[in-house]
Protein backbone atom coordinates (compact mmCIF):
# COMPACT_ATOMS: atom_id res chain seq x y z
CA MET A 1 -27.52 11.80 13.02
CA TRP A 2 -24.70 11.44 15.58
CA LEU A 3 -24.09 7.86 14.36
CA GLU A 4 -23.69 8.99 10.77
CA ASN A 5 -21.32 11.75 11.92
CA LEU A 6 -19.30 9.16 13.85
CA ARG A 7 -19.08 6.96 10.76
CA SER A 8 -17.93 9.93 8.69
CA VAL A 9 -15.24 10.80 11.19
CA SER A 10 -14.09 7.15 11.32
CA ARG A 11 -13.92 6.93 7.51
CA ALA A 12 -11.99 10.21 7.36
CA ALA A 13 -9.54 8.90 9.95
CA LEU A 14 -8.98 5.76 7.88
CA VAL A 15 -8.36 7.78 4.72
CA VAL A 16 -5.87 10.05 6.52
CA GLY A 17 -4.23 7.01 8.13
CA GLU A 18 -3.74 5.24 4.82
CA TYR A 19 -2.36 8.36 3.10
CA SER A 20 0.01 8.82 6.06
CA ALA A 21 1.19 5.27 5.67
CA ASN A 22 1.71 5.79 1.94
CA ALA A 23 3.79 8.86 2.71
CA LEU A 24 5.90 6.92 5.20
CA VAL A 25 6.63 4.23 2.65
CA GLY A 26 7.59 7.00 0.23
CA LEU A 27 10.14 8.29 2.71
CA ILE A 28 11.62 4.85 3.21
CA ASP A 29 11.71 3.67 -0.45
CA PRO A 30 13.75 5.99 -2.69
CA ARG A 31 12.11 4.55 -5.82
CA LEU A 32 8.82 6.16 -4.82
CA ARG A 33 10.17 9.71 -4.29
CA SER A 34 10.58 10.48 -7.99
CA SER A 35 7.65 10.92 -10.36
CA GLY A 36 9.46 9.15 -13.19
CA ALA A 37 7.97 11.63 -15.65
CA THR A 38 9.93 14.07 -17.80
CA VAL A 39 9.31 17.81 -17.79
CA GLU A 40 7.62 17.46 -21.19
CA GLU A 41 5.40 14.64 -20.00
CA ALA A 42 4.28 16.72 -17.05
CA ARG A 43 3.23 19.52 -19.39
CA ILE A 44 1.58 17.74 -22.30
CA ARG A 45 -2.18 17.45 -22.50
CA LEU A 46 -3.68 14.08 -21.70
CA ALA A 47 -7.10 12.53 -22.10
CA GLY A 48 -9.26 13.58 -19.13
CA ASP A 49 -7.68 17.01 -18.56
CA ALA A 50 -10.85 18.70 -19.82
CA LEU A 51 -12.93 17.10 -17.05
CA LEU A 52 -11.45 19.64 -14.66
CA PRO A 53 -10.48 22.77 -16.64
CA TRP A 54 -9.06 24.38 -13.49
CA VAL A 55 -7.39 22.46 -10.63
CA SER A 56 -5.85 23.16 -7.26
CA TRP A 57 -3.13 20.59 -7.85
CA GLN A 58 -1.87 18.26 -10.56
CA ALA A 59 0.84 15.63 -10.80
CA THR A 60 2.08 13.31 -13.55
CA ARG A 61 3.98 10.07 -12.97
CA ALA A 62 5.41 7.65 -15.50
CA VAL A 63 7.27 4.42 -16.05
CA THR A 64 8.53 2.47 -19.09
CA VAL A 65 7.41 -1.14 -19.43
CA GLU A 66 9.40 -3.42 -21.69
CA ALA A 67 6.36 -4.84 -23.48
CA PRO A 68 4.02 -3.67 -26.21
CA VAL A 69 0.89 -1.68 -25.41
CA SER A 70 -1.26 -4.72 -26.23
CA GLU A 71 0.29 -6.52 -23.26
CA VAL A 72 -0.07 -3.59 -20.88
CA TRP A 73 -3.65 -2.58 -21.50
CA PRO A 74 -5.23 -5.79 -20.14
CA TRP A 75 -3.74 -5.04 -16.67
CA LEU A 76 -5.42 -1.64 -16.68
CA ALA A 77 -8.67 -3.12 -17.97
CA GLN A 78 -8.95 -5.43 -14.95
CA ALA A 79 -7.88 -2.84 -12.30
CA GLY A 80 -9.99 -2.17 -9.22
CA TYR A 81 -10.87 -3.74 -5.90
CA GLY A 82 -12.75 -7.01 -6.34
CA ARG A 83 -11.17 -7.31 -9.79
CA GLY A 84 -7.41 -7.37 -10.52
CA GLY A 85 -6.52 -4.92 -7.71
CA TRP A 86 -4.54 -1.70 -7.87
CA TYR A 87 -1.05 -3.32 -8.04
CA ALA A 88 0.75 -0.97 -5.59
CA ASP A 89 1.49 -3.95 -3.24
CA MET A 90 1.36 -1.84 -0.08
CA PRO A 91 1.74 -4.18 2.97
CA TRP A 92 -1.56 -3.22 4.55
CA TRP A 93 -3.65 -3.54 1.34
CA ARG A 94 -5.86 -6.58 1.20
CA ASP A 95 -8.23 -8.16 -1.29
CA ALA A 96 -11.75 -9.46 -0.81
CA GLU A 97 -10.34 -12.87 0.30
CA GLY A 98 -8.05 -11.30 2.91
CA ARG A 99 -4.74 -11.67 1.04
CA ARG A 100 -2.37 -8.79 1.75
CA GLY A 101 0.59 -6.96 0.22
CA ARG A 102 1.72 -8.33 -3.13
CA ARG A 103 -0.86 -11.09 -2.95
CA SER A 104 -3.69 -8.56 -2.76
CA SER A 105 -3.46 -7.87 -6.49
CA ALA A 106 -3.55 -10.30 -9.43
CA GLU A 107 -0.28 -11.71 -10.71
CA ARG A 108 -2.00 -12.99 -13.81
CA LEU A 109 -4.54 -11.64 -16.27
CA LEU A 110 -8.16 -12.47 -15.36
CA PRO A 111 -10.23 -13.27 -18.45
CA ASP A 112 -13.51 -12.62 -16.59
CA GLU A 113 -12.46 -9.06 -15.66
CA GLN A 114 -11.30 -7.74 -19.02
CA HIS A 115 -14.50 -5.82 -19.84
CA ILE A 116 -14.41 -2.17 -18.92
CA GLU A 117 -16.57 0.67 -20.30
CA VAL A 118 -17.61 4.28 -19.71
CA GLY A 119 -19.94 4.54 -16.68
CA GLN A 120 -18.53 1.48 -14.98
CA VAL A 121 -17.68 1.89 -11.24
CA LEU A 122 -14.35 0.76 -9.78
CA LEU A 123 -13.90 0.55 -6.01
CA ASP A 124 -10.93 1.64 -3.88
CA GLY A 125 -10.83 -1.15 -1.44
CA PRO A 126 -12.59 -3.04 1.44
CA GLY A 127 -15.75 -1.40 2.75
CA CYS A 128 -16.24 0.64 -0.40
CA ASP A 129 -19.34 0.70 -2.55
CA GLU A 130 -20.87 3.03 -5.17
CA ALA A 131 -21.51 5.66 -2.51
CA HIS A 132 -18.09 5.44 -0.77
CA GLY A 133 -14.63 5.19 -2.28
CA ALA A 134 -15.78 4.79 -5.90
CA TRP A 135 -14.34 5.81 -9.26
CA THR A 136 -16.46 6.15 -12.39
CA VAL A 137 -14.96 5.42 -15.77
CA ARG A 138 -15.32 8.63 -17.80
CA ILE A 139 -13.05 7.81 -20.81
CA CYS A 140 -12.18 4.33 -22.08
CA ASP A 141 -10.07 4.20 -25.23
CA PRO A 142 -8.62 0.63 -25.32
CA SER A 143 -4.82 0.49 -25.51
CA ARG A 144 -4.62 4.27 -25.34
CA ALA A 145 -6.34 5.86 -22.32
CA LEU A 146 -8.42 5.06 -19.24
CA VAL A 147 -9.73 8.02 -17.20
CA LEU A 148 -11.53 7.68 -13.84
CA PHE A 149 -13.37 10.41 -11.98
CA SER A 150 -14.62 10.91 -8.43
CA SER A 151 -16.18 13.73 -6.40
CA ARG A 152 -15.98 12.84 -2.71
CA THR A 153 -15.70 14.21 0.79
CA LEU A 154 -12.58 13.62 2.87
CA ALA A 155 -14.44 10.67 4.42
CA GLY A 156 -14.73 9.09 0.97
CA ARG A 157 -18.46 9.65 0.51
CA GLU A 158 -19.35 10.28 -3.12
CA VAL A 159 -21.07 13.59 -3.78
CA ASP A 160 -24.69 13.38 -4.95
CA ALA A 161 -25.01 15.67 -7.94
CA ASP A 162 -28.76 16.05 -7.27
CA ALA A 163 -28.35 17.06 -3.61
CA ALA A 164 -26.92 20.10 -1.92
CA PRO A 165 -23.10 19.93 -2.02
CA PRO A 166 -21.27 19.18 1.22
CA ARG A 167 -19.24 21.87 3.00
CA PHE A 168 -16.00 20.51 1.63
CA TYR A 169 -15.33 17.97 -1.11
CA ILE A 170 -12.70 17.00 -3.66
CA ASP A 171 -13.06 16.56 -7.45
CA CYS A 172 -10.42 14.26 -8.83
CA SER A 173 -9.65 12.90 -12.30
CA TRP A 174 -7.24 9.94 -12.58
CA ALA A 175 -5.91 9.38 -16.07
CA PHE A 176 -3.81 6.49 -17.44
CA ALA A 177 -2.24 6.98 -20.88
CA LEU A 178 -0.32 4.35 -22.82
CA ARG A 179 2.22 5.41 -25.43
CA PRO A 180 4.36 3.15 -27.59
CA VAL A 181 8.08 3.86 -27.35
CA PRO A 182 11.11 1.99 -28.77
CA ALA A 183 11.66 0.22 -25.42
CA GLY A 184 8.01 -0.91 -25.21
CA THR A 185 5.28 1.18 -23.55
CA ARG A 186 5.36 4.40 -21.64
CA ILE A 187 2.61 4.59 -18.96
CA LEU A 188 1.67 8.08 -17.90
CA VAL A 189 -0.59 8.55 -14.84
CA ARG A 190 -2.00 11.99 -14.12
CA THR A 191 -3.93 13.05 -11.06
CA ARG A 192 -5.83 16.34 -11.19
CA VAL A 193 -7.47 17.62 -7.98
CA LYS A 194 -9.85 20.49 -7.40
CA LEU A 195 -10.63 21.48 -3.79
CA ASN A 196 -14.17 22.76 -3.14
CA PRO A 197 -13.87 25.41 -1.81
CA ASP A 198 -10.23 26.11 -2.74
CA ARG A 199 -9.02 28.31 0.07
CA ARG A 200 -5.60 28.95 1.49
CA PRO A 201 -6.26 27.07 4.79
CA THR A 202 -7.12 23.92 2.82
CA ARG A 203 -4.16 23.95 0.44
CA TRP A 204 -1.99 22.24 3.05
CA LEU A 205 -4.25 19.28 2.48
CA ALA A 206 -3.36 19.13 -1.22
CA ALA A 207 0.36 19.31 -0.40
CA GLY A 208 0.10 16.46 2.06
CA LEU A 209 -2.06 14.32 -0.20
CA GLY A 210 0.34 15.00 -3.05
CA PHE A 211 3.37 13.39 -1.43
CA ALA A 212 1.38 10.36 -0.29
CA ASP A 213 -0.26 10.09 -3.65
CA GLN A 214 3.11 10.07 -5.40
CA ALA A 215 4.32 7.13 -3.32
CA MET A 216 1.18 5.16 -4.09
CA GLN A 217 1.10 6.02 -7.79
CA ARG A 218 4.75 5.14 -8.30
CA ALA A 219 4.32 1.91 -6.38
CA MET A 220 1.32 1.09 -8.64
CA LEU A 221 3.32 1.78 -11.81
CA LEU A 222 6.24 -0.36 -10.60
CA GLY A 223 3.77 -3.08 -9.66
CA ILE A 224 2.31 -3.08 -13.15
CA LYS A 225 5.79 -3.05 -14.69
CA ARG A 226 6.87 -6.03 -12.57
CA ARG A 227 3.77 -8.03 -13.47
CA VAL A 228 3.89 -7.33 -17.20
CA GLU A 229 7.59 -7.98 -17.53
CA GLY A 230 7.65 -10.97 -15.22
CA ALA A 231 4.97 -13.47 -14.30
CA GLY A 232 2.38 -11.74 -16.47
CA THR A 233 3.89 -13.07 -19.73
CA THR A 234 4.69 -16.38 -21.27
CA THR A 235 7.39 -17.44 -23.72
CA SER A 236 6.97 -19.95 -26.53
CA GLY A 237 9.28 -22.90 -27.04
CA SER A 238 11.14 -20.89 -29.69
CA GLY A 239 11.94 -18.20 -27.12
CA LYS A 240 9.59 -15.67 -28.68
CA ARG A 241 7.27 -13.57 -26.51
CA THR A 242 3.76 -14.92 -26.89
CA GLY A 243 1.78 -12.37 -24.81
CA PRO A 244 0.26 -12.13 -21.36
CA ALA A 245 -0.39 -15.25 -19.40
CA THR A 246 -3.96 -15.65 -18.19
CA SER A 247 -5.50 -17.43 -15.26
CA ARG A 248 -8.96 -18.39 -14.15
CA GLY A 249 -7.86 -17.95 -10.57
CA ARG A 250 -8.35 -14.54 -8.92
CA SER A 251 -6.19 -12.51 -6.59
CA LYS A 252 -7.75 -9.14 -6.02
CA ARG A 253 -7.19 -6.11 -3.93
């Protein structure tokens, strides 16, 4: 029992440490301090909102990618550790092969990782499995929306719906919405968090997680934008855009 408690404390310390590092990067990089979303975008209803009718905290982030939706969706479809990565390019992130920073996420589309469906599990990073640091796909509407969901303790352990609930855990929906705009594609990312239990002493946690989460989410959006608009596309000899470049090689977070 004491060994399991020690593991939980260690996992919690790692989670807090990574979020603290995200927050520090947010303080240093001014691009990560703004959500990028308009007031209207923060208010509109998105796919996945109904998964948590009431939340302790919600945030919406956004970016415009100068490419059609058809070229943006494949990057979301291959997201996840052990797949295309999460694209935020944080210096301490690493993939299954040990590559770090920008190299920890794919710079090309991965044909073998394009299948994604409801019920599929996506992992956060190294040391994660279906019981720790996992997201379950709850909504998958190709080229429109991808919604992930997780119920976990602060240590990252997924809550077993058939067992007694832990003393404290967090429900979280993570929604990605793609919307065509004249400039290309608008990506909206919404995080909705419910604290269980939601009490005043625990709300400081939501505030702290919120700032760190903003830095990570904005870095992820900028990482996707860079990939889609840059190395992730090819141009035909006539100068016309021909769509995303693909690669059999893998670079995963």
